[in-house]
Amino acid sequence: MQGKQLWLHPIFGSDTNLLLGAKVAECSNQHFARAENITSPLRPRFDPTLFGQQGKVMDSWESGRHNVLEFDSAVFELRQPVSHIKSIIVSTEYHNGNHGEFVGIDVRNKGSQEWTVMLPKNQLRGHSMHVFGVQCPIDDVTHVRVRNYPDGGITRVGLFETRNFHT
């Protein structure tokens, strides 16, 4: 990773983002940018001149507009079960006006099809970092669902076992 900056180093020190290495199990809409981007360990990059077939290329998850559903969602399967999630960081960096208006995060464990709310629906600001203290409601979390209301861009999501913010 020479020459590339880690995304959360100044905020969480050596605490590991529990979403690193997670696989996208399903996603309702990846029209503008892929959901896997929100698990990147690197700072997001923005090139104002880079456009693709679907429009502006973004280093984030960005769903298409005018969602007829209540929210778009991305489900991630974690590398290993976790039980002690105490902090969530959601970034909308480089999204201002095209960011998701609200976010919610749910969890479940292997074998269960029932989602349990870990982060209720919270408002997001554009081009911002949002830090939430949470209490993980279940043990052995294997899947995480990010709810993006109603649609738009989310740059990064981090799940952490500590509340020791280094800001």
Foldseek 3Di string as FASTA:
>chain_A
DPPFAFACCQWPPPFDFQQAPWDWPDWQFQQAHDAVLQNDRTHWDADPVDADPRGGHGSWRFGDPDFPDQWIKIKIFTPWFAAQWFKKKWFQAPFAPQAQQWKWKWWDAPPDPDTDTFGPIDGDHHNDMDMDTTGRPDGRTGMMMMTGGHTGTIRYMGTGNDPPTND
